[in-house]
Amino acid sequence: MSRTAHTRPQLWVTDTRFYLLCVQTNLFGDWELLKAWGGRGSRRGGHQAVQATSLPEAIDMQQREARRRMRRGYRVLDEPAPQPRLE
């Protein structure tokens, strides 16, 4: 697998919260798991990039975090919600 490959972002939601997971490379070409979270309809939240030594390790971290989200009542959205058009 090439160094530029990454997994598709996963968006997890509850009625009031969201959590985003994405495996990607940073500007230095190192693998990382990007996590972002917050309240739906709120500006509060945060993000964290966790370094990984390899792509398999980053995917494993993503899968562990996904299991944690499921245990906490989140559900995964297959497709991002469409954004309203401003005309």
PDB file of N, CA and C in Angstrom:
ATOM      1  N   MET A   1       0.847  -1.176   0.000  1.00  0.00           N
ATOM      2  CA  MET A   1       0.000   0.000   0.000  1.00  0.00           C
ATOM      3  C   MET A   1       0.892   1.239   0.000  1.00  0.00           C
ATOM      4  N   SER A   2       0.514   2.234  -0.759  1.00  0.00           N
ATOM      5  CA  SER A   2       1.344   3.428  -0.862  1.00  0.00           C
ATOM      6  C   SER A   2       1.256   4.269   0.412  1.00  0.00           C
ATOM      7  N   ARG A   3       2.223   5.137   0.597  1.00  0.00           N
ATOM      8  CA  ARG A   3       2.268   5.987   1.792  1.00  0.00           C
ATOM      9  C   ARG A   3       1.165   7.041   1.802  1.00  0.00           C
ATOM     10  N   THR A   4       0.520   7.275   0.668  1.00  0.00           N
ATOM     11  CA  THR A   4      -0.521   8.301   0.633  1.00  0.00           C
ATOM     12  C   THR A   4      -1.914   7.719   0.857  1.00  0.00           C
ATOM     13  N   ALA A   5      -2.027   6.396   0.939  1.00  0.00           N
ATOM     14  CA  ALA A   5      -3.343   5.779   1.125  1.00  0.00           C
ATOM     15  C   ALA A   5      -3.853   6.060   2.533  1.00  0.00           C
ATOM     16  N   HIS A   6      -5.156   6.075   2.677  1.00  0.00           N
ATOM     17  CA  HIS A   6      -5.759   6.249   3.988  1.00  0.00           C
ATOM     18  C   HIS A   6      -7.130   5.611   3.971  1.00  0.00           C
ATOM     19  N   THR A   7      -7.723   5.455   5.125  1.00  0.00           N
ATOM     20  CA  THR A   7      -9.055   4.879   5.197  1.00  0.00           C
ATOM     21  C   THR A   7     -10.099   5.975   5.061  1.00  0.00           C
ATOM     22  N   ARG A   8     -11.283   5.570   4.748  1.00  0.00           N
ATOM     23  CA  ARG A   8     -12.401   6.497   4.631  1.00  0.00           C
ATOM     24  C   ARG A   8     -12.768   7.008   6.025  1.00  0.00           C
ATOM     25  N   PRO A   9     -13.002   8.299   6.187  1.00  0.00           N
ATOM     26  CA  PRO A   9     -13.378   8.821   7.507  1.00  0.00           C
ATOM     27  C   PRO A   9     -14.661   8.169   8.012  1.00  0.00           C
ATOM     28  N   GLN A  10     -14.718   7.928   9.311  1.00  0.00           N
ATOM     29  CA  GLN A  10     -15.912   7.379   9.946  1.00  0.00           C
ATOM     30  C   GLN A  10     -16.524   8.456  10.818  1.00  0.00           C
ATOM     31  N   LEU A  11     -17.816   8.706  10.639  1.00  0.00           N
ATOM     32  CA  LEU A  11     -18.534   9.679  11.450  1.00  0.00           C
ATOM     33  C   LEU A  11     -19.490   8.939  12.361  1.00  0.00           C
ATOM     34  N   TRP A  12     -19.334   9.128  13.670  1.00  0.00           N
ATOM     35  CA  TRP A  12     -20.171   8.499  14.695  1.00  0.00           C
ATOM     36  C   TRP A  12     -21.009   9.588  15.340  1.00  0.00           C
ATOM     37  N   VAL A  13     -22.292   9.309  15.603  1.00  0.00           N
ATOM     38  CA  VAL A  13     -23.177  10.324  16.174  1.00  0.00           C
ATOM     39  C   VAL A  13     -24.078   9.729  17.255  1.00  0.00           C
ATOM     40  N   THR A  14     -24.507  10.604  18.158  1.00  0.00           N
ATOM     41  CA  THR A  14     -25.638  10.351  19.047  1.00  0.00           C
ATOM     42  C   THR A  14     -26.621  11.476  18.753  1.00  0.00           C
ATOM     43  N   ASP A  15     -27.647  11.587  19.581  1.00  0.00           N
ATOM     44  CA  ASP A  15     -28.611  12.666  19.358  1.00  0.00           C
ATOM     45  C   ASP A  15     -27.991  14.036  19.569  1.00  0.00           C
ATOM     46  N   THR A  16     -26.952  14.114  20.400  1.00  0.00           N
ATOM     47  CA  THR A  16     -26.391  15.422  20.737  1.00  0.00           C
ATOM     48  C   THR A  16     -24.902  15.562  20.464  1.00  0.00           C
ATOM     49  N   ARG A  17     -24.206  14.476  20.127  1.00  0.00           N
ATOM     50  CA  ARG A  17     -22.751  14.502  19.989  1.00  0.00           C
ATOM     51  C   ARG A  17     -22.312  13.887  18.664  1.00  0.00           C
ATOM     52  N   PHE A  18     -21.071  14.206  18.235  1.00  0.00           N
ATOM     53  CA  PHE A  18     -20.476  13.545  17.070  1.00  0.00           C
ATOM     54  C   PHE A  18     -19.026  13.216  17.371  1.00  0.00           C
ATOM     55  N   TYR A  19     -18.502  12.257  16.628  1.00  0.00           N
ATOM     56  CA  TYR A  19     -17.117  11.818  16.776  1.00  0.00           C
ATOM     57  C   TYR A  19     -16.635  11.382  15.398  1.00  0.00           C
ATOM     58  N   LEU A  20     -15.508  11.914  14.948  1.00  0.00           N
ATOM     59  CA  LEU A  20     -14.968  11.615  13.625  1.00  0.00           C
ATOM     60  C   LEU A  20     -13.623  10.916  13.775  1.00  0.00           C
ATOM     61  N   LEU A  21     -13.421   9.830  13.022  1.00  0.00           N
ATOM     62  CA  LEU A  21     -12.154   9.097  13.021  1.00  0.00           C
ATOM     63  C   LEU A  21     -11.639   9.018  11.589  1.00  0.00           C
ATOM     64  N   CYS A  22     -10.337   9.295  11.407  1.00  0.00           N
ATOM     65  CA  CYS A  22      -9.756   9.232  10.071  1.00  0.00           C
ATOM     66  C   CYS A  22      -8.280   8.864  10.166  1.00  0.00           C
ATOM     67  N   VAL A  23      -7.873   7.842   9.412  1.00  0.00           N
ATOM     68  CA  VAL A  23      -6.456   7.482   9.318  1.00  0.00           C
ATOM     69  C   VAL A  23      -5.878   8.243   8.133  1.00  0.00           C
ATOM     70  N   GLN A  24      -4.761   8.924   8.366  1.00  0.00           N
ATOM     71  CA  GLN A  24      -4.168   9.748   7.316  1.00  0.00           C
ATOM     72  C   GLN A  24      -2.675   9.896   7.561  1.00  0.00           C
ATOM     73  N   THR A  25      -1.990  10.481   6.585  1.00  0.00           N
ATOM     74  CA  THR A  25      -0.583  10.818   6.783  1.00  0.00           C
ATOM     75  C   THR A  25      -0.505  12.302   7.109  1.00  0.00           C
ATOM     76  N   ASN A  26       0.469  12.656   7.932  1.00  0.00           N
ATOM     77  CA  ASN A  26       0.663  14.073   8.238  1.00  0.00           C
ATOM     78  C   ASN A  26       1.617  14.684   7.215  1.00  0.00           C
ATOM     79  N   LEU A  27       1.995  15.921   7.405  1.00  0.00           N
ATOM     80  CA  LEU A  27       2.860  16.605   6.439  1.00  0.00           C
ATOM     81  C   LEU A  27       4.245  15.974   6.320  1.00  0.00           C
ATOM     82  N   PHE A  28       4.654  15.221   7.334  1.00  0.00           N
ATOM     83  CA  PHE A  28       5.964  14.582   7.314  1.00  0.00           C
ATOM     84  C   PHE A  28       5.906  13.152   6.765  1.00  0.00           C
ATOM     85  N   GLY A  29       4.714  12.703   6.356  1.00  0.00           N
ATOM     86  CA  GLY A  29       4.556  11.379   5.793  1.00  0.00           C
ATOM     87  C   GLY A  29       4.357  10.286   6.821  1.00  0.00           C
ATOM     88  N   ASP A  30       4.174  10.643   8.095  1.00  0.00           N
ATOM     89  CA  ASP A  30       3.937   9.651   9.150  1.00  0.00           C
ATOM     90  C   ASP A  30       2.442   9.385   9.270  1.00  0.00           C
ATOM     91  N   TRP A  31       2.093   8.153   9.638  1.00  0.00           N
ATOM     92  CA  TRP A  31       0.697   7.782   9.802  1.00  0.00           C
ATOM     93  C   TRP A  31       0.170   8.301  11.123  1.00  0.00           C
ATOM     94  N   GLU A  32      -1.102   8.702  11.121  1.00  0.00           N
ATOM     95  CA  GLU A  32      -1.742   9.161  12.341  1.00  0.00           C
ATOM     96  C   GLU A  32      -3.242   8.885  12.278  1.00  0.00           C
ATOM     97  N   LEU A  33      -3.833   8.807  13.461  1.00  0.00           N
ATOM     98  CA  LEU A  33      -5.288   8.708  13.589  1.00  0.00           C
ATOM     99  C   LEU A  33      -5.785  10.066  14.045  1.00  0.00           C
ATOM    100  N   LEU A  34      -6.607  10.690  13.223  1.00  0.00           N
ATOM    101  CA  LEU A  34      -7.193  11.977  13.567  1.00  0.00           C
ATOM    102  C   LEU A  34      -8.540  11.721  14.214  1.00  0.00           C
ATOM    103  N   LYS A  35      -8.748  12.289  15.414  1.00  0.00           N
ATOM    104  CA  LYS A  35     -10.015  12.181  16.125  1.00  0.00           C
ATOM    105  C   LYS A  35     -10.554  13.591  16.325  1.00  0.00           C
ATOM    106  N   ALA A  36     -11.823  13.779  16.022  1.00  0.00           N
ATOM    107  CA  ALA A  36     -12.479  15.069  16.251  1.00  0.00           C
ATOM    108  C   ALA A  36     -13.832  14.792  16.889  1.00  0.00           C
ATOM    109  N   TRP A  37     -14.254  15.652  17.815  1.00  0.00           N
ATOM    110  CA  TRP A  37     -15.491  15.420  18.550  1.00  0.00           C
ATOM    111  C   TRP A  37     -16.129  16.746  18.913  1.00  0.00           C
ATOM    112  N   GLY A  38     -17.407  16.666  19.269  1.00  0.00           N
ATOM    113  CA  GLY A  38     -18.090  17.877  19.704  1.00  0.00           C
ATOM    114  C   GLY A  38     -19.576  17.664  19.834  1.00  0.00           C
ATOM    115  N   GLY A  39     -20.268  18.753  20.133  1.00  0.00           N
ATOM    116  CA  GLY A  39     -21.713  18.732  20.239  1.00  0.00           C
ATOM    117  C   GLY A  39     -22.332  19.086  18.898  1.00  0.00           C
ATOM    118  N   ARG A  40     -23.400  18.414  18.559  1.00  0.00           N
ATOM    119  CA  ARG A  40     -24.082  18.708  17.303  1.00  0.00           C
ATOM    120  C   ARG A  40     -24.794  20.044  17.430  1.00  0.00           C
ATOM    121  N   GLY A  41     -24.559  20.928  16.486  1.00  0.00           N
ATOM    122  CA  GLY A  41     -25.151  22.252  16.523  1.00  0.00           C
ATOM    123  C   GLY A  41     -24.456  23.181  17.505  1.00  0.00           C
ATOM    124  N   SER A  42     -23.248  22.823  17.905  1.00  0.00           N
ATOM    125  CA  SER A  42     -22.500  23.613  18.873  1.00  0.00           C
ATOM    126  C   SER A  42     -21.095  23.864  18.339  1.00  0.00           C
ATOM    127  N   ARG A  43     -20.477  24.912  18.797  1.00  0.00           N
ATOM    128  CA  ARG A  43     -19.090  25.193  18.398  1.00  0.00           C
ATOM    129  C   ARG A  43     -18.091  24.562  19.353  1.00  0.00           C
ATOM    130  N   ARG A  44     -18.570  23.909  20.386  1.00  0.00           N
ATOM    131  CA  ARG A  44     -17.681  23.278  21.354  1.00  0.00           C
ATOM    132  C   ARG A  44     -17.211  21.934  20.805  1.00  0.00           C
ATOM    133  N   GLY A  45     -16.012  21.573  21.129  1.00  0.00           N
ATOM    134  CA  GLY A  45     -15.461  20.310  20.674  1.00  0.00           C
ATOM    135  C   GLY A  45     -13.947  20.378  20.662  1.00  0.00           C
ATOM    136  N   GLY A  46     -13.348  19.385  20.056  1.00  0.00           N
ATOM    137  CA  GLY A  46     -11.901  19.367  19.992  1.00  0.00           C
ATOM    138  C   GLY A  46     -11.415  18.351  18.975  1.00  0.00           C
ATOM    139  N   HIS A  47     -10.110  18.229  18.889  1.00  0.00           N
ATOM    140  CA  HIS A  47      -9.518  17.253  17.990  1.00  0.00           C
ATOM    141  C   HIS A  47      -8.166  16.824  18.538  1.00  0.00           C
ATOM    142  N   GLN A  48      -7.715  15.671  18.060  1.00  0.00           N
ATOM    143  CA  GLN A  48      -6.428  15.131  18.488  1.00  0.00           C
ATOM    144  C   GLN A  48      -5.883  14.268  17.354  1.00  0.00           C
ATOM    145  N   ALA A  49      -4.598  14.394  17.087  1.00  0.00           N
ATOM    146  CA  ALA A  49      -3.913  13.542  16.107  1.00  0.00           C
ATOM    147  C   ALA A  49      -2.990  12.615  16.902  1.00  0.00           C
ATOM    148  N   VAL A  50      -3.228  11.299  16.796  1.00  0.00           N
ATOM    149  CA  VAL A  50      -2.437  10.312  17.520  1.00  0.00           C
ATOM    150  C   VAL A  50      -1.482   9.652  16.535  1.00  0.00           C
ATOM    151  N   GLN A  51      -0.183   9.734  16.808  1.00  0.00           N
ATOM    152  CA  GLN A  51       0.832   9.189  15.915  1.00  0.00           C
ATOM    153  C   GLN A  51       0.819   7.661  15.922  1.00  0.00           C
ATOM    154  N   ALA A  52       1.069   7.054  14.769  1.00  0.00           N
ATOM    155  CA  ALA A  52       1.177   5.606  14.624  1.00  0.00           C
ATOM    156  C   ALA A  52       2.484   5.305  13.891  1.00  0.00           C
ATOM    157  N   THR A  53       3.054   4.130  14.165  1.00  0.00           N
ATOM    158  CA  THR A  53       4.315   3.766  13.519  1.00  0.00           C
ATOM    159  C   THR A  53       4.108   3.155  12.142  1.00  0.00           C
ATOM    160  N   SER A  54       2.864   2.692  11.863  1.00  0.00           N
ATOM    161  CA  SER A  54       2.591   2.067  10.568  1.00  0.00           C
ATOM    162  C   SER A  54       1.107   2.179  10.257  1.00  0.00           C
ATOM    163  N   LEU A  55       0.740   1.910   9.013  1.00  0.00           N
ATOM    164  CA  LEU A  55      -0.668   1.925   8.621  1.00  0.00           C
ATOM    165  C   LEU A  55      -1.464   0.867   9.377  1.00  0.00           C
ATOM    166  N   PRO A  56      -0.978  -0.386   9.497  1.00  0.00           N
ATOM    167  CA  PRO A  56      -1.756  -1.378  10.262  1.00  0.00           C
ATOM    168  C   PRO A  56      -1.996  -0.942  11.714  1.00  0.00           C
ATOM    169  N   GLU A  57      -1.020  -0.299  12.332  1.00  0.00           N
ATOM    170  CA  GLU A  57      -1.212   0.175  13.704  1.00  0.00           C
ATOM    171  C   GLU A  57      -2.278   1.269  13.754  1.00  0.00           C
ATOM    172  N   ALA A  58      -2.265   2.178  12.791  1.00  0.00           N
ATOM    173  CA  ALA A  58      -3.257   3.259  12.754  1.00  0.00           C
ATOM    174  C   ALA A  58      -4.660   2.697  12.538  1.00  0.00           C
ATOM    175  N   ILE A  59      -4.799   1.700  11.670  1.00  0.00           N
ATOM    176  CA  ILE A  59      -6.102   1.077  11.434  1.00  0.00           C
ATOM    177  C   ILE A  59      -6.572   0.351  12.686  1.00  0.00           C
ATOM    178  N   ASP A  60      -5.650  -0.318  13.386  1.00  0.00           N
ATOM    179  CA  ASP A  60      -5.997  -0.995  14.634  1.00  0.00           C
ATOM    180  C   ASP A  60      -6.490   0.007  15.677  1.00  0.00           C
ATOM    181  N   MET A  61      -5.822   1.155  15.787  1.00  0.00           N
ATOM    182  CA  MET A  61      -6.262   2.194  16.726  1.00  0.00           C
ATOM    183  C   MET A  61      -7.655   2.691  16.355  1.00  0.00           C
ATOM    184  N   GLN A  62      -7.921   2.841  15.050  1.00  0.00           N
ATOM    185  CA  GLN A  62      -9.233   3.288  14.588  1.00  0.00           C
ATOM    186  C   GLN A  62     -10.304   2.263  14.956  1.00  0.00           C
ATOM    187  N   GLN A  63     -10.013   0.991  14.773  1.00  0.00           N
ATOM    188  CA  GLN A  63     -10.986  -0.056  15.093  1.00  0.00           C
ATOM    189  C   GLN A  63     -11.267  -0.127  16.592  1.00  0.00           C
ATOM    190  N   ARG A  64     -10.229   0.032  17.422  1.00  0.00           N
ATOM    191  CA  ARG A  64     -10.442   0.036  18.874  1.00  0.00           C
ATOM    192  C   ARG A  64     -11.309   1.211  19.288  1.00  0.00           C
ATOM    193  N   GLU A  65     -11.048   2.385  18.707  1.00  0.00           N
ATOM    194  CA  GLU A  65     -11.850   3.567  19.031  1.00  0.00           C
ATOM    195  C   GLU A  65     -13.288   3.400  18.542  1.00  0.00           C
ATOM    196  N   ALA A  66     -13.477   2.759  17.400  1.00  0.00           N
ATOM    197  CA  ALA A  66     -14.829   2.514  16.880  1.00  0.00           C
ATOM    198  C   ALA A  66     -15.606   1.610  17.839  1.00  0.00           C
ATOM    199  N   ARG A  67     -14.964   0.582  18.370  1.00  0.00           N
ATOM    200  CA  ARG A  67     -15.634  -0.287  19.348  1.00  0.00           C
ATOM    201  C   ARG A  67     -16.008   0.505  20.604  1.00  0.00           C
ATOM    202  N   ARG A  68     -15.144   1.403  21.020  1.00  0.00           N
ATOM    203  CA  ARG A  68     -15.429   2.251  22.185  1.00  0.00           C
ATOM    204  C   ARG A  68     -16.641   3.142  21.915  1.00  0.00           C
ATOM    205  N   ARG A  69     -16.730   3.715  20.721  1.00  0.00           N
ATOM    206  CA  ARG A  69     -17.879   4.557  20.377  1.00  0.00           C
ATOM    207  C   ARG A  69     -19.163   3.742  20.430  1.00  0.00           C
ATOM    208  N   MET A  70     -19.137   2.508  19.910  1.00  0.00           N
ATOM    209  CA  MET A  70     -20.335   1.658  19.923  1.00  0.00           C
ATOM    210  C   MET A  70     -20.792   1.382  21.353  1.00  0.00           C
ATOM    211  N   ARG A  71     -19.833   1.071  22.232  1.00  0.00           N
ATOM    212  CA  ARG A  71     -20.182   0.799  23.632  1.00  0.00           C
ATOM    213  C   ARG A  71     -20.799   2.018  24.298  1.00  0.00           C
ATOM    214  N   ARG A  72     -20.445   3.198  23.847  1.00  0.00           N
ATOM    215  CA  ARG A  72     -20.954   4.429  24.447  1.00  0.00           C
ATOM    216  C   ARG A  72     -22.219   4.957  23.767  1.00  0.00           C
ATOM    217  N   GLY A  73     -22.814   4.155  22.902  1.00  0.00           N
ATOM    218  CA  GLY A  73     -24.106   4.518  22.327  1.00  0.00           C
ATOM    219  C   GLY A  73     -24.071   5.304  21.031  1.00  0.00           C
ATOM    220  N   TYR A  74     -22.910   5.470  20.422  1.00  0.00           N
ATOM    221  CA  TYR A  74     -22.831   6.154  19.136  1.00  0.00           C
ATOM    222  C   TYR A  74     -23.238   5.198  18.031  1.00  0.00           C
ATOM    223  N   ARG A  75     -23.707   5.757  16.932  1.00  0.00           N
ATOM    224  CA  ARG A  75     -23.984   4.955  15.733  1.00  0.00           C
ATOM    225  C   ARG A  75     -23.222   5.580  14.571  1.00  0.00           C
ATOM    226  N   VAL A  76     -22.758   4.732  13.665  1.00  0.00           N
ATOM    227  CA  VAL A  76     -21.951   5.220  12.551  1.00  0.00           C
ATOM    228  C   VAL A  76     -22.870   5.666  11.415  1.00  0.00           C
ATOM    229  N   LEU A  77     -22.521   6.772  10.793  1.00  0.00           N
ATOM    230  CA  LEU A  77     -23.236   7.238   9.599  1.00  0.00           C
ATOM    231  C   LEU A  77     -22.427   6.793   8.394  1.00  0.00           C
ATOM    232  N   ASP A  78     -23.067   6.103   7.465  1.00  0.00           N
ATOM    233  CA  ASP A  78     -22.366   5.635   6.273  1.00  0.00           C
ATOM    234  C   ASP A  78     -21.983   6.782   5.361  1.00  0.00           C
ATOM    235  N   GLU A  79     -22.859   7.725   5.223  1.00  0.00           N
ATOM    236  CA  GLU A  79     -22.614   8.882   4.364  1.00  0.00           C
ATOM    237  C   GLU A  79     -22.791  10.140   5.195  1.00  0.00           C
ATOM    238  N   PRO A  80     -21.937  11.136   4.988  1.00  0.00           N
ATOM    239  CA  PRO A  80     -22.139  12.394   5.694  1.00  0.00           C
ATOM    240  C   PRO A  80     -23.494  13.012   5.342  1.00  0.00           C
ATOM    241  N   ALA A  81     -24.097  13.678   6.287  1.00  0.00           N
ATOM    242  CA  ALA A  81     -25.378  14.342   6.046  1.00  0.00           C
ATOM    243  C   ALA A  81     -25.185  15.436   4.995  1.00  0.00           C
ATOM    244  N   PRO A  82     -26.111  15.570   4.064  1.00  0.00           N
ATOM    245  CA  PRO A  82     -25.971  16.629   3.055  1.00  0.00           C
ATOM    246  C   PRO A  82     -26.038  17.997   3.707  1.00  0.00           C
ATOM    247  N   GLN A  83     -25.203  18.890   3.210  1.00  0.00           N
ATOM    248  CA  GLN A  83     -25.169  20.255   3.724  1.00  0.00           C
ATOM    249  C   GLN A  83     -26.254  21.067   3.015  1.00  0.00           C
ATOM    250  N   PRO A  84     -26.982  21.901   3.770  1.00  0.00           N
ATOM    251  CA  PRO A  84     -28.006  22.733   3.109  1.00  0.00           C
ATOM    252  C   PRO A  84     -27.357  23.735   2.172  1.00  0.00           C
ATOM    253  N   ARG A  85     -28.013  23.975   1.059  1.00  0.00           N
ATOM    254  CA  ARG A  85     -27.495  24.944   0.089  1.00  0.00           C
ATOM    255  C   ARG A  85     -27.981  26.333   0.464  1.00  0.00           C
ATOM    256  N   LEU A  86     -27.063  27.265   0.438  1.00  0.00           N
ATOM    257  CA  LEU A  86     -27.416  28.662   0.690  1.00  0.00           C
ATOM    258  C   LEU A  86     -27.548  29.371  -0.649  1.00  0.00           C
ATOM    259  N   GLU A  87     -28.698  29.908  -0.909  1.00  0.00           N
ATOM    260  CA  GLU A  87     -28.929  30.576  -2.196  1.00  0.00           C
ATOM    261  C   GLU A  87     -29.295  32.005  -1.986  1.00  0.00           C
TER     262      GLU A  87
END
